[in-house]
């Protein structure tokens, strides 16, 4: 699956590969040291920049909806 922005896809793929290897080879065997944090931060920074450039409202993305009356409302166009 590609990222929100094409320029972020390589960061996502690199992070996904790191995470999948870490999870299956280390985490499931007891190691909880996050070895992919730096890759995640690069990907996250790219996505945040893309969100801003696309004019997506971060407050709306972070707004809690579950267990509120808004959860049952139909989305607006």
PDB file of N, CA and C in Angstrom:
ATOM      1  N   UNK A   1       0.849  -1.168   0.000  1.00  0.00           N
ATOM      2  CA  UNK A   1       0.000   0.000   0.000  1.00  0.00           C
ATOM      3  C   UNK A   1       0.899   1.236   0.000  1.00  0.00           C
ATOM      4  N   UNK A   2       0.545   2.199  -0.826  1.00  0.00           N
ATOM      5  CA  UNK A   2       1.304   3.434  -0.905  1.00  0.00           C
ATOM      6  C   UNK A   2       0.924   4.377   0.230  1.00  0.00           C
ATOM      7  N   UNK A   3       1.722   5.397   0.371  1.00  0.00           N
ATOM      8  CA  UNK A   3       1.486   6.405   1.392  1.00  0.00           C
ATOM      9  C   UNK A   3       0.489   7.437   0.887  1.00  0.00           C
ATOM     10  N   UNK A   4       0.121   8.358   1.776  1.00  0.00           N
ATOM     11  CA  UNK A   4      -0.769   9.466   1.437  1.00  0.00           C
ATOM     12  C   UNK A   4      -0.199  10.292   0.281  1.00  0.00           C
ATOM     13  N   UNK A   5       1.099  10.463   0.278  1.00  0.00           N
ATOM     14  CA  UNK A   5       1.776  11.234  -0.760  1.00  0.00           C
ATOM     15  C   UNK A   5       2.857  10.363  -1.393  1.00  0.00           C
ATOM     16  N   UNK A   6       2.978  10.441  -2.707  1.00  0.00           N
ATOM     17  CA  UNK A   6       3.949   9.597  -3.411  1.00  0.00           C
ATOM     18  C   UNK A   6       5.358   9.754  -2.874  1.00  0.00           C
ATOM     19  N   UNK A   7       5.735  10.991  -2.497  1.00  0.00           N
ATOM     20  CA  UNK A   7       7.092  11.227  -2.025  1.00  0.00           C
ATOM     21  C   UNK A   7       7.362  10.553  -0.668  1.00  0.00           C
ATOM     22  N   UNK A   8       6.312  10.144   0.031  1.00  0.00           N
ATOM     23  CA  UNK A   8       6.461   9.470   1.332  1.00  0.00           C
ATOM     24  C   UNK A   8       6.495   7.954   1.206  1.00  0.00           C
ATOM     25  N   UNK A   9       6.118   7.417   0.072  1.00  0.00           N
ATOM     26  CA  UNK A   9       6.030   5.968  -0.103  1.00  0.00           C
ATOM     27  C   UNK A   9       7.354   5.252   0.165  1.00  0.00           C
ATOM     28  N   UNK A  10       8.498   5.765  -0.313  1.00  0.00           N
ATOM     29  CA  UNK A  10       9.753   5.060   0.017  1.00  0.00           C
ATOM     30  C   UNK A  10      10.025   4.994   1.526  1.00  0.00           C
ATOM     31  N   UNK A  11       9.700   6.068   2.254  1.00  0.00           N
ATOM     32  CA  UNK A  11       9.871   6.067   3.708  1.00  0.00           C
ATOM     33  C   UNK A  11       8.948   5.029   4.342  1.00  0.00           C
ATOM     34  N   UNK A  12       7.714   4.955   3.844  1.00  0.00           N
ATOM     35  CA  UNK A  12       6.747   3.993   4.373  1.00  0.00           C
ATOM     36  C   UNK A  12       7.216   2.569   4.130  1.00  0.00           C
ATOM     37  N   UNK A  13       7.688   2.298   2.942  1.00  0.00           N
ATOM     38  CA  UNK A  13       8.138   0.949   2.611  1.00  0.00           C
ATOM     39  C   UNK A  13       9.333   0.532   3.460  1.00  0.00           C
ATOM     40  N   UNK A  14      10.251   1.471   3.674  1.00  0.00           N
ATOM     41  CA  UNK A  14      11.425   1.179   4.492  1.00  0.00           C
ATOM     42  C   UNK A  14      11.010   0.911   5.942  1.00  0.00           C
ATOM     43  N   UNK A  15      10.108   1.751   6.460  1.00  0.00           N
ATOM     44  CA  UNK A  15       9.631   1.548   7.829  1.00  0.00           C
ATOM     45  C   UNK A  15       8.857   0.233   7.943  1.00  0.00           C
ATOM     46  N   UNK A  16       7.955  -0.027   7.005  1.00  0.00           N
ATOM     47  CA  UNK A  16       7.163  -1.267   7.049  1.00  0.00           C
ATOM     48  C   UNK A  16       8.065  -2.503   7.065  1.00  0.00           C
ATOM     49  N   UNK A  17       9.100  -2.504   6.228  1.00  0.00           N
ATOM     50  CA  UNK A  17      10.016  -3.641   6.172  1.00  0.00           C
ATOM     51  C   UNK A  17      10.744  -3.810   7.508  1.00  0.00           C
ATOM     52  N   UNK A  18      11.200  -2.701   8.068  1.00  0.00           N
ATOM     53  CA  UNK A  18      11.885  -2.745   9.357  1.00  0.00           C
ATOM     54  C   UNK A  18      10.939  -3.255  10.450  1.00  0.00           C
ATOM     55  N   UNK A  19       9.738  -2.685  10.494  1.00  0.00           N
ATOM     56  CA  UNK A  19       8.777  -3.075  11.532  1.00  0.00           C
ATOM     57  C   UNK A  19       8.415  -4.553  11.425  1.00  0.00           C
ATOM     58  N   UNK A  20       8.121  -5.018  10.217  1.00  0.00           N
ATOM     59  CA  UNK A  20       7.722  -6.414  10.039  1.00  0.00           C
ATOM     60  C   UNK A  20       8.834  -7.375  10.470  1.00  0.00           C
ATOM     61  N   UNK A  21      10.071  -7.032  10.121  1.00  0.00           N
ATOM     62  CA  UNK A  21      11.198  -7.877  10.527  1.00  0.00           C
ATOM     63  C   UNK A  21      11.368  -7.829  12.043  1.00  0.00           C
ATOM     64  N   UNK A  22      11.339  -6.642  12.622  1.00  0.00           N
ATOM     65  CA  UNK A  22      11.498  -6.504  14.074  1.00  0.00           C
ATOM     66  C   UNK A  22      10.388  -7.247  14.816  1.00  0.00           C
ATOM     67  N   UNK A  23       9.156  -7.078  14.369  1.00  0.00           N
ATOM     68  CA  UNK A  23       8.029  -7.701  15.062  1.00  0.00           C
ATOM     69  C   UNK A  23       8.146  -9.221  15.054  1.00  0.00           C
ATOM     70  N   UNK A  24       8.395  -9.777  13.880  1.00  0.00           N
ATOM     71  CA  UNK A  24       8.414 -11.235  13.781  1.00  0.00           C
ATOM     72  C   UNK A  24       9.685 -11.865  14.335  1.00  0.00           C
ATOM     73  N   UNK A  25      10.810 -11.174  14.200  1.00  0.00           N
ATOM     74  CA  UNK A  25      12.086 -11.773  14.598  1.00  0.00           C
ATOM     75  C   UNK A  25      12.521 -11.408  16.014  1.00  0.00           C
ATOM     76  N   UNK A  26      11.996 -10.314  16.539  1.00  0.00           N
ATOM     77  CA  UNK A  26      12.477  -9.882  17.854  1.00  0.00           C
ATOM     78  C   UNK A  26      11.355  -9.693  18.869  1.00  0.00           C
ATOM     79  N   UNK A  27      10.354  -8.904  18.520  1.00  0.00           N
ATOM     80  CA  UNK A  27       9.291  -8.612  19.484  1.00  0.00           C
ATOM     81  C   UNK A  27       8.597  -9.887  19.956  1.00  0.00           C
ATOM     82  N   UNK A  28       8.254 -10.749  19.027  1.00  0.00           N
ATOM     83  CA  UNK A  28       7.563 -11.988  19.403  1.00  0.00           C
ATOM     84  C   UNK A  28       8.453 -12.933  20.212  1.00  0.00           C
ATOM     85  N   UNK A  29       9.754 -12.627  20.249  1.00  0.00           N
ATOM     86  CA  UNK A  29      10.690 -13.424  21.037  1.00  0.00           C
ATOM     87  C   UNK A  29      11.108 -12.707  22.315  1.00  0.00           C
ATOM     88  N   UNK A  30      10.419 -11.576  22.625  1.00  0.00           N
ATOM     89  CA  UNK A  30      10.644 -10.921  23.897  1.00  0.00           C
ATOM     90  C   UNK A  30      11.373  -9.595  23.867  1.00  0.00           C
ATOM     91  N   UNK A  31      11.958  -9.207  22.755  1.00  0.00           N
ATOM     92  CA  UNK A  31      12.683  -7.930  22.690  1.00  0.00           C
ATOM     93  C   UNK A  31      11.701  -6.795  22.422  1.00  0.00           C
ATOM     94  N   UNK A  32      11.719  -5.796  23.282  1.00  0.00           N
ATOM     95  CA  UNK A  32      10.804  -4.657  23.102  1.00  0.00           C
ATOM     96  C   UNK A  32      11.551  -3.386  22.699  1.00  0.00           C
ATOM     97  N   UNK A  33      12.827  -3.486  22.394  1.00  0.00           N
ATOM     98  CA  UNK A  33      13.599  -2.324  21.949  1.00  0.00           C
ATOM     99  C   UNK A  33      13.138  -1.927  20.551  1.00  0.00           C
ATOM    100  N   UNK A  34      12.671  -0.683  20.418  1.00  0.00           N
ATOM    101  CA  UNK A  34      12.153  -0.192  19.134  1.00  0.00           C
ATOM    102  C   UNK A  34      13.321   0.169  18.223  1.00  0.00           C
ATOM    103  N   UNK A  35      13.583  -0.675  17.260  1.00  0.00           N
ATOM    104  CA  UNK A  35      14.706  -0.482  16.351  1.00  0.00           C
ATOM    105  C   UNK A  35      14.332   0.312  15.097  1.00  0.00           C
ATOM    106  N   UNK A  36      13.074   0.640  14.959  1.00  0.00           N
ATOM    107  CA  UNK A  36      12.608   1.305  13.741  1.00  0.00           C
ATOM    108  C   UNK A  36      12.150   2.737  13.990  1.00  0.00           C
ATOM    109  N   UNK A  37      12.370   3.253  15.187  1.00  0.00           N
ATOM    110  CA  UNK A  37      11.851   4.573  15.556  1.00  0.00           C
ATOM    111  C   UNK A  37      12.350   5.682  14.639  1.00  0.00           C
ATOM    112  N   UNK A  38      13.616   5.646  14.271  1.00  0.00           N
ATOM    113  CA  UNK A  38      14.154   6.718  13.422  1.00  0.00           C
ATOM    114  C   UNK A  38      13.504   6.691  12.035  1.00  0.00           C
ATOM    115  N   UNK A  39      13.241   5.495  11.517  1.00  0.00           N
ATOM    116  CA  UNK A  39      12.570   5.388  10.215  1.00  0.00           C
ATOM    117  C   UNK A  39      11.134   5.887  10.317  1.00  0.00           C
ATOM    118  N   UNK A  40      10.469   5.560  11.429  1.00  0.00           N
ATOM    119  CA  UNK A  40       9.104   6.026  11.619  1.00  0.00           C
ATOM    120  C   UNK A  40       9.064   7.552  11.680  1.00  0.00           C
ATOM    121  N   UNK A  41      10.012   8.162  12.363  1.00  0.00           N
ATOM    122  CA  UNK A  41      10.037   9.622  12.480  1.00  0.00           C
ATOM    123  C   UNK A  41      10.210  10.292  11.117  1.00  0.00           C
ATOM    124  N   UNK A  42      11.050   9.708  10.254  1.00  0.00           N
ATOM    125  CA  UNK A  42      11.226  10.243   8.894  1.00  0.00           C
ATOM    126  C   UNK A  42       9.907  10.147   8.118  1.00  0.00           C
ATOM    127  N   UNK A  43       9.268   8.993   8.202  1.00  0.00           N
ATOM    128  CA  UNK A  43       7.997   8.785   7.501  1.00  0.00           C
ATOM    129  C   UNK A  43       6.926   9.724   8.049  1.00  0.00           C
ATOM    130  N   UNK A  44       6.841   9.828   9.370  1.00  0.00           N
ATOM    131  CA  UNK A  44       5.855  10.693  10.007  1.00  0.00           C
ATOM    132  C   UNK A  44       6.041  12.150   9.589  1.00  0.00           C
ATOM    133  N   UNK A  45       7.285  12.619   9.544  1.00  0.00           N
ATOM    134  CA  UNK A  45       7.566  14.003   9.141  1.00  0.00           C
ATOM    135  C   UNK A  45       7.117  14.240   7.703  1.00  0.00           C
ATOM    136  N   UNK A  46       7.363  13.279   6.841  1.00  0.00           N
ATOM    137  CA  UNK A  46       6.952  13.399   5.443  1.00  0.00           C
ATOM    138  C   UNK A  46       5.429  13.457   5.329  1.00  0.00           C
ATOM    139  N   UNK A  47       4.733  12.596   6.056  1.00  0.00           N
ATOM    140  CA  UNK A  47       3.266  12.571   6.005  1.00  0.00           C
ATOM    141  C   UNK A  47       2.679  13.863   6.566  1.00  0.00           C
ATOM    142  N   UNK A  48       3.235  14.358   7.662  1.00  0.00           N
ATOM    143  CA  UNK A  48       2.735  15.611   8.233  1.00  0.00           C
ATOM    144  C   UNK A  48       2.897  16.762   7.252  1.00  0.00           C
ATOM    145  N   UNK A  49       4.019  16.798   6.565  1.00  0.00           N
ATOM    146  CA  UNK A  49       4.251  17.840   5.557  1.00  0.00           C
ATOM    147  C   UNK A  49       3.237  17.718   4.422  1.00  0.00           C
ATOM    148  N   UNK A  50       3.004  16.494   3.965  1.00  0.00           N
ATOM    149  CA  UNK A  50       2.049  16.259   2.882  1.00  0.00           C
ATOM    150  C   UNK A  50       0.637  16.645   3.300  1.00  0.00           C
ATOM    151  N   UNK A  51       0.270  16.337   4.533  1.00  0.00           N
ATOM    152  CA  UNK A  51      -1.057  16.690   5.048  1.00  0.00           C
ATOM    153  C   UNK A  51      -1.236  18.201   5.030  1.00  0.00           C
ATOM    154  N   UNK A  52      -0.209  18.899   5.476  1.00  0.00           N
ATOM    155  CA  UNK A  52      -0.258  20.361   5.494  1.00  0.00           C
ATOM    156  C   UNK A  52      -0.376  20.918   4.076  1.00  0.00           C
ATOM    157  N   UNK A  53       0.424  20.375   3.161  1.00  0.00           N
ATOM    158  CA  UNK A  53       0.407  20.837   1.769  1.00  0.00           C
ATOM    159  C   UNK A  53      -0.930  20.564   1.089  1.00  0.00           C
ATOM    160  N   UNK A  54      -1.610  19.505   1.496  1.00  0.00           N
ATOM    161  CA  UNK A  54      -2.908  19.170   0.904  1.00  0.00           C
ATOM    162  C   UNK A  54      -4.059  19.928   1.568  1.00  0.00           C
ATOM    163  N   UNK A  55      -3.730  20.700   2.596  1.00  0.00           N
ATOM    164  CA  UNK A  55      -4.753  21.500   3.263  1.00  0.00           C
ATOM    165  C   UNK A  55      -5.692  20.684   4.141  1.00  0.00           C
ATOM    166  N   UNK A  56      -5.226  19.552   4.612  1.00  0.00           N
ATOM    167  CA  UNK A  56      -6.041  18.710   5.494  1.00  0.00           C
ATOM    168  C   UNK A  56      -5.934  19.262   6.909  1.00  0.00           C
ATOM    169  N   UNK A  57      -7.057  19.417   7.564  1.00  0.00           N
ATOM    170  CA  UNK A  57      -7.112  19.990   8.904  1.00  0.00           C
ATOM    171  C   UNK A  57      -6.691  18.946   9.934  1.00  0.00           C
ATOM    172  N   UNK A  58      -5.516  19.125  10.533  1.00  0.00           N
ATOM    173  CA  UNK A  58      -5.009  18.179  11.521  1.00  0.00           C
ATOM    174  C   UNK A  58      -5.910  18.089  12.754  1.00  0.00           C
ATOM    175  N   UNK A  59      -6.555  19.185  13.120  1.00  0.00           N
ATOM    176  CA  UNK A  59      -7.456  19.149  14.273  1.00  0.00           C
ATOM    177  C   UNK A  59      -8.622  18.196  14.019  1.00  0.00           C
ATOM    178  N   UNK A  60      -9.116  18.185  12.792  1.00  0.00           N
ATOM    179  CA  UNK A  60     -10.204  17.263  12.453  1.00  0.00           C
ATOM    180  C   UNK A  60      -9.727  15.814  12.510  1.00  0.00           C
ATOM    181  N   UNK A  61      -8.485  15.582  12.087  1.00  0.00           N
ATOM    182  CA  UNK A  61      -7.946  14.217  12.123  1.00  0.00           C
ATOM    183  C   UNK A  61      -7.767  13.720  13.550  1.00  0.00           C
ATOM    184  N   UNK A  62      -7.391  14.613  14.444  1.00  0.00           N
ATOM    185  CA  UNK A  62      -7.110  14.231  15.828  1.00  0.00           C
ATOM    186  C   UNK A  62      -8.325  14.339  16.746  1.00  0.00           C
ATOM    187  N   UNK A  63      -9.428  14.813  16.232  1.00  0.00           N
ATOM    188  CA  UNK A  63     -10.618  15.028  17.034  1.00  0.00           C
ATOM    189  C   UNK A  63     -11.215  13.690  17.485  1.00  0.00           C
ATOM    190  N   UNK A  64     -11.442  13.539  18.790  1.00  0.00           N
ATOM    191  CA  UNK A  64     -12.052  12.294  19.265  1.00  0.00           C
ATOM    192  C   UNK A  64     -13.510  12.188  18.810  1.00  0.00           C
ATOM    193  N   UNK A  65     -13.865  11.053  18.271  1.00  0.00           N
ATOM    194  CA  UNK A  65     -15.222  10.838  17.769  1.00  0.00           C
ATOM    195  C   UNK A  65     -15.872   9.612  18.420  1.00  0.00           C
ATOM    196  N   UNK A  66     -15.081   8.580  18.684  1.00  0.00           N
ATOM    197  CA  UNK A  66     -15.642   7.363  19.271  1.00  0.00           C
ATOM    198  C   UNK A  66     -16.279   7.668  20.620  1.00  0.00           C
ATOM    199  N   UNK A  67     -17.408   7.056  20.845  1.00  0.00           N
ATOM    200  CA  UNK A  67     -18.179   7.238  22.083  1.00  0.00           C
ATOM    201  C   UNK A  67     -18.682   8.663  22.260  1.00  0.00           C
ATOM    202  N   UNK A  68     -18.887   9.364  21.160  1.00  0.00           N
ATOM    203  CA  UNK A  68     -19.505  10.690  21.198  1.00  0.00           C
ATOM    204  C   UNK A  68     -20.716  10.658  20.274  1.00  0.00           C
ATOM    205  N   UNK A  69     -21.613  11.636  20.391  1.00  0.00           N
ATOM    206  CA  UNK A  69     -22.754  11.684  19.457  1.00  0.00           C
ATOM    207  C   UNK A  69     -22.338  11.786  17.996  1.00  0.00           C
ATOM    208  N   UNK A  70     -21.164  12.356  17.737  1.00  0.00           N
ATOM    209  CA  UNK A  70     -20.694  12.502  16.352  1.00  0.00           C
ATOM    210  C   UNK A  70     -20.388  11.154  15.701  1.00  0.00           C
ATOM    211  N   UNK A  71     -20.142  10.137  16.494  1.00  0.00           N
ATOM    212  CA  UNK A  71     -19.793   8.823  15.960  1.00  0.00           C
ATOM    213  C   UNK A  71     -20.909   8.283  15.058  1.00  0.00           C
ATOM    214  N   UNK A  72     -22.141   8.592  15.382  1.00  0.00           N
ATOM    215  CA  UNK A  72     -23.272   8.043  14.640  1.00  0.00           C
ATOM    216  C   UNK A  72     -23.767   8.951  13.509  1.00  0.00           C
ATOM    217  N   UNK A  73     -23.124  10.110  13.349  1.00  0.00           N
ATOM    218  CA  UNK A  73     -23.536  11.028  12.275  1.00  0.00           C
ATOM    219  C   UNK A  73     -22.964  10.572  10.945  1.00  0.00           C
ATOM    220  N   UNK A  74     -23.710  10.843   9.889  1.00  0.00           N
ATOM    221  CA  UNK A  74     -23.226  10.560   8.557  1.00  0.00           C
ATOM    222  C   UNK A  74     -22.152  11.578   8.189  1.00  0.00           C
ATOM    223  N   UNK A  75     -21.125  11.157   7.441  1.00  0.00           N
ATOM    224  CA  UNK A  75     -20.074  12.088   7.039  1.00  0.00           C
ATOM    225  C   UNK A  75     -20.612  13.193   6.147  1.00  0.00           C
ATOM    226  N   UNK A  76     -20.018  14.369   6.251  1.00  0.00           N
ATOM    227  CA  UNK A  76     -20.385  15.454   5.358  1.00  0.00           C
ATOM    228  C   UNK A  76     -19.497  15.406   4.138  1.00  0.00           C
ATOM    229  N   UNK A  77     -19.989  15.893   3.027  1.00  0.00           N
ATOM    230  CA  UNK A  77     -19.212  15.834   1.774  1.00  0.00           C
ATOM    231  C   UNK A  77     -18.162  16.893   1.723  1.00  0.00           C
TER     232      UNK A  77
END
